[in-house]
Amino acid sequence: MSWLNKLGFGVRSATDSPVDASSASIAQGPDDDMPAPGQQFAQFGAGCFWGVELAYQRVPGVTKTEVGYTQGYLHNPTYEDICSGTTNHSEVVRVQYDPKECSFDTLLDVFWARHDPTTLNRQGNDVGTQYRSGIYFYTPEQEKAALESKDRQQKLLNRKIVTEILPAKKFYRAEEYHQQYLAKGGRFGFRQSTEKGCNDPIRCYG
C-alpha cells in the first residue's frame, strides 16, 4: 500500500505518536475479543493485508475475516501511525474459522502460499516493519502446528524463513475502508470474488 504514502498518508513522524507505558501495556496485552461459539481465531501477517484477506475469505470453513494491526506498542493506532514505522505494529488478517470444516493447517498452507516468508519487513514493493511475516497463535496447539509447518516449509526453500511465530496480542480493527477492500472493488472498482474455493488470481491493489 505504499502508493497511499505517496499521496500523503502515513507520513507522520515519531514525535506525532508518543508511546507511553500505559498505552504499550494495553497494546501488548492479549486479544480479548471472543470468536463466535464453536469458532476459533487465528492471525496472519503476510504483507499488505488486502490480498491476504481475500485469500482467506475464499477458504471453505472461514466464517469471518477482519484486517487490522497488532504486536505494536500504541493503543488504538491508526493507519498513519503504523506507517510511521515507530509503533512496531504488523498488518494482519484475523481469521475466524470453524475447526470442524477448516483445519488450522489449511490456514497455514494459505499463509505460506500467499507471500515470500524469506524477505524481512518486505513484500514486493511494500517495505516496512508493518509488512513483516508473522503467525500469531491463540492456543498451544496452534503454536505447535505453526512451528512444525515452518520447519516443513524451510526444507522447500533455499533461503532462511524470517517468519515470526508469537502469541496473538490485542487486535485493532483497521479503518473501514481497508475491510474487504478487494471484494468491494479496490482502487479501480473491479470487485474480486470471495466465493469459497475460488482460484481466480488476486490483484493486490484492485
Protein backbone atom coordinates (compact mmCIF):
# COMPACT_ATOMS: atom_id res chain seq x y z
CA MET A 1 0.00 0.00 0.00
CA SER A 2 3.00 2.28 -0.40
CA TRP A 3 1.05 4.31 -3.01
CA LEU A 4 -1.03 5.73 -0.15
CA ASN A 5 2.14 7.11 1.38
CA LYS A 6 2.89 8.90 -1.88
CA LEU A 7 -0.50 10.60 -1.64
CA GLY A 8 0.38 11.98 1.78
CA PHE A 9 -0.96 9.22 4.00
CA GLY A 10 1.21 7.52 6.57
CA VAL A 11 3.95 10.14 6.83
CA ARG A 12 3.77 11.06 10.48
CA SER A 13 6.98 11.45 12.43
CA ALA A 14 7.89 9.65 15.62
CA THR A 15 7.01 12.73 17.68
CA ASP A 16 3.45 12.73 16.36
CA SER A 17 2.58 9.48 18.17
CA PRO A 18 4.36 9.25 21.51
CA VAL A 19 4.09 5.79 23.04
CA ASP A 20 3.76 5.74 26.82
CA ALA A 21 3.93 2.81 29.19
CA SER A 22 0.19 2.57 29.79
CA SER A 23 -0.52 2.56 26.05
CA ALA A 24 2.09 -0.12 25.47
CA SER A 25 0.76 -2.35 28.25
CA ILE A 26 -2.70 -2.36 26.66
CA ALA A 27 -1.40 -2.90 23.12
CA GLN A 28 0.87 -5.71 24.25
CA GLY A 29 -1.94 -7.49 26.09
CA PRO A 30 -3.84 -10.49 24.75
CA ASP A 31 -6.60 -10.30 22.16
CA ASP A 32 -9.65 -10.12 24.44
CA ASP A 33 -12.22 -10.45 21.65
CA MET A 34 -14.14 -13.71 21.51
CA PRO A 35 -14.91 -15.72 18.38
CA ALA A 36 -18.45 -16.90 17.69
CA PRO A 37 -19.50 -20.09 19.52
CA GLY A 38 -17.77 -23.13 18.08
CA GLN A 39 -15.32 -20.97 16.12
CA GLN A 40 -11.63 -20.16 16.58
CA PHE A 41 -9.41 -17.18 15.79
CA ALA A 42 -6.04 -17.05 14.05
CA GLN A 43 -3.93 -14.06 12.98
CA PHE A 44 -1.61 -13.88 9.99
CA GLY A 45 0.73 -11.16 8.76
CA ALA A 46 1.93 -11.63 5.19
CA GLY A 47 2.47 -8.18 3.73
CA CYS A 48 -0.31 -5.85 2.61
CA PHE A 49 -3.43 -7.21 4.27
CA TRP A 50 -5.80 -6.55 1.34
CA GLY A 51 -4.76 -9.54 -0.75
CA VAL A 52 -4.19 -11.75 2.27
CA GLU A 53 -7.72 -11.13 3.48
CA LEU A 54 -9.23 -12.05 0.11
CA ALA A 55 -7.25 -15.29 0.06
CA TYR A 56 -8.71 -16.26 3.42
CA GLN A 57 -12.22 -15.13 2.51
CA ARG A 58 -12.18 -17.81 -0.19
CA VAL A 59 -11.28 -20.68 2.16
CA PRO A 60 -14.19 -23.03 2.96
CA GLY A 61 -14.80 -23.04 6.70
CA VAL A 62 -13.62 -19.47 7.22
CA THR A 63 -16.63 -17.62 8.57
CA LYS A 64 -15.26 -14.11 9.05
CA THR A 65 -12.18 -12.05 8.26
CA GLU A 66 -11.04 -8.65 9.51
CA VAL A 67 -7.89 -6.69 8.77
CA GLY A 68 -6.12 -4.78 11.48
CA TYR A 69 -2.99 -4.01 13.46
CA THR A 70 -1.28 -5.97 16.22
CA GLN A 71 2.02 -6.65 18.03
CA GLY A 72 2.75 -2.94 18.48
CA TYR A 73 3.13 -0.54 21.40
CA LEU A 74 0.50 2.10 20.69
CA HIS A 75 -3.10 1.77 21.89
CA ASN A 76 -5.72 2.44 19.18
CA PRO A 77 -3.27 3.03 16.32
CA THR A 78 -4.35 4.49 13.00
CA TYR A 79 -3.08 3.50 9.58
CA GLU A 80 -0.95 6.64 9.59
CA ASP A 81 0.55 5.61 12.95
CA ILE A 82 1.60 2.18 11.80
CA CYS A 83 3.05 3.57 8.55
CA SER A 84 5.30 5.88 10.56
CA GLY A 85 7.44 2.87 11.47
CA THR A 86 7.50 3.87 15.14
CA THR A 87 4.82 1.65 16.71
CA ASN A 88 6.01 -1.87 15.73
CA HIS A 89 2.56 -2.93 14.57
CA SER A 90 2.08 -5.56 11.90
CA GLU A 91 -0.68 -5.54 9.31
CA VAL A 92 -2.63 -8.74 9.89
CA VAL A 93 -5.77 -10.59 8.97
CA ARG A 94 -7.72 -12.03 11.86
CA VAL A 95 -9.45 -15.14 10.61
CA GLN A 96 -12.45 -16.71 12.30
CA TYR A 97 -12.91 -20.31 11.24
CA ASP A 98 -14.93 -23.41 12.05
CA PRO A 99 -12.41 -26.12 13.03
CA LYS A 100 -14.93 -28.77 12.02
CA GLU A 101 -14.80 -27.51 8.44
CA CYS A 102 -11.35 -25.94 8.17
CA SER A 103 -8.17 -27.07 9.89
CA PHE A 104 -5.52 -24.68 11.15
CA ASP A 105 -3.08 -26.49 8.85
CA THR A 106 -5.22 -25.41 5.89
CA LEU A 107 -4.90 -21.80 7.02
CA LEU A 108 -1.15 -22.26 7.32
CA ASP A 109 -0.97 -23.60 3.76
CA VAL A 110 -2.70 -20.44 2.52
CA PHE A 111 -0.29 -18.31 4.55
CA TRP A 112 2.85 -19.87 3.05
CA ALA A 113 1.45 -19.79 -0.48
CA ARG A 114 0.39 -16.16 -0.26
CA HIS A 115 3.76 -14.47 0.37
CA ASP A 116 7.55 -14.77 0.46
CA PRO A 117 8.46 -15.63 4.07
CA THR A 118 12.18 -15.08 3.44
CA THR A 119 12.10 -11.31 2.94
CA LEU A 120 12.49 -9.31 6.14
CA ASN A 121 9.97 -6.48 6.57
CA ARG A 122 9.13 -6.52 2.90
CA GLN A 123 6.72 -7.99 0.37
CA GLY A 124 7.36 -6.84 -3.17
CA ASN A 125 7.33 -3.04 -3.32
CA ASP A 126 5.82 -2.75 0.18
CA VAL A 127 8.64 -2.10 2.65
CA GLY A 128 8.38 -1.56 6.39
CA THR A 129 8.06 -3.46 9.65
CA GLN A 130 4.26 -3.45 9.25
CA TYR A 131 4.69 -5.84 6.30
CA ARG A 132 6.64 -8.48 8.20
CA SER A 133 5.78 -12.16 8.04
CA GLY A 134 4.10 -13.50 11.15
CA ILE A 135 1.84 -16.19 12.58
CA TYR A 136 0.16 -15.16 15.83
CA PHE A 137 -1.32 -18.07 17.73
CA TYR A 138 -4.15 -18.31 20.26
CA THR A 139 -3.56 -21.82 21.60
CA PRO A 140 -0.62 -24.16 22.26
CA GLU A 141 -1.97 -26.39 19.52
CA GLN A 142 -1.78 -23.54 17.01
CA GLU A 143 1.76 -22.74 18.13
CA LYS A 144 2.88 -26.35 17.69
CA ALA A 145 1.26 -26.61 14.26
CA ALA A 146 2.84 -23.30 13.16
CA LEU A 147 6.34 -24.33 14.24
CA GLU A 148 6.06 -27.73 12.56
CA SER A 149 4.69 -26.11 9.41
CA LYS A 150 7.57 -23.63 9.35
CA ASP A 151 10.08 -26.49 9.61
CA ARG A 152 8.44 -28.29 6.69
CA GLN A 153 8.38 -25.13 4.61
CA GLN A 154 12.03 -24.36 5.33
CA LYS A 155 13.05 -27.67 3.74
CA LEU A 156 11.47 -26.50 0.49
CA LEU A 157 13.33 -23.18 0.35
CA ASN A 158 16.96 -22.26 -0.16
CA ARG A 159 16.72 -19.05 1.88
CA LYS A 160 16.08 -18.68 5.59
CA ILE A 161 12.47 -18.11 6.65
CA VAL A 162 12.13 -14.96 8.77
CA THR A 163 8.51 -15.51 9.84
CA GLU A 164 7.89 -14.70 13.49
CA ILE A 165 5.63 -17.05 15.47
CA LEU A 166 4.29 -15.32 18.56
CA PRO A 167 1.26 -15.29 20.86
CA ALA A 168 -1.65 -13.28 19.49
CA LYS A 169 -1.88 -9.85 21.05
CA LYS A 170 -4.56 -7.19 21.11
CA PHE A 171 -6.13 -6.79 17.69
CA TYR A 172 -7.02 -3.30 16.49
CA ARG A 173 -9.51 -3.38 13.65
CA ALA A 174 -8.30 -1.24 10.76
CA GLU A 175 -10.29 1.63 9.30
CA GLU A 176 -13.45 0.60 7.49
CA TYR A 177 -12.12 1.42 4.02
CA HIS A 178 -9.50 -1.30 4.49
CA GLN A 179 -12.06 -4.01 5.31
CA GLN A 180 -12.78 -6.42 2.43
CA TYR A 181 -11.04 -3.86 0.25
CA LEU A 182 -10.61 -6.03 -2.84
CA ALA A 183 -14.04 -7.61 -2.58
CA LYS A 184 -15.51 -4.09 -2.60
CA GLY A 185 -13.61 -3.14 -5.74
CA GLY A 186 -10.19 -1.92 -4.63
CA ARG A 187 -8.53 1.07 -6.22
CA PHE A 188 -10.04 0.59 -9.66
CA GLY A 189 -13.56 -0.51 -8.77
CA PHE A 190 -13.24 -4.09 -10.01
CA ARG A 191 -14.78 -6.40 -7.45
CA GLN A 192 -12.89 -9.63 -6.85
CA SER A 193 -14.70 -12.84 -5.97
CA THR A 194 -14.93 -14.09 -2.40
CA GLU A 195 -16.65 -17.30 -3.47
CA LYS A 196 -15.45 -20.28 -1.46
CA GLY A 197 -12.88 -22.28 -3.39
CA CYS A 198 -12.33 -19.53 -5.96
CA ASN A 199 -8.91 -19.74 -7.61
CA ASP A 200 -9.02 -16.50 -9.61
CA PRO A 201 -5.72 -14.58 -9.44
CA ILE A 202 -5.74 -11.92 -6.73
CA ARG A 203 -4.93 -8.40 -7.91
CA CYS A 204 -3.32 -6.97 -4.79
CA TYR A 205 -4.45 -3.37 -5.25
CA GLY A 206 -7.71 -3.88 -7.09
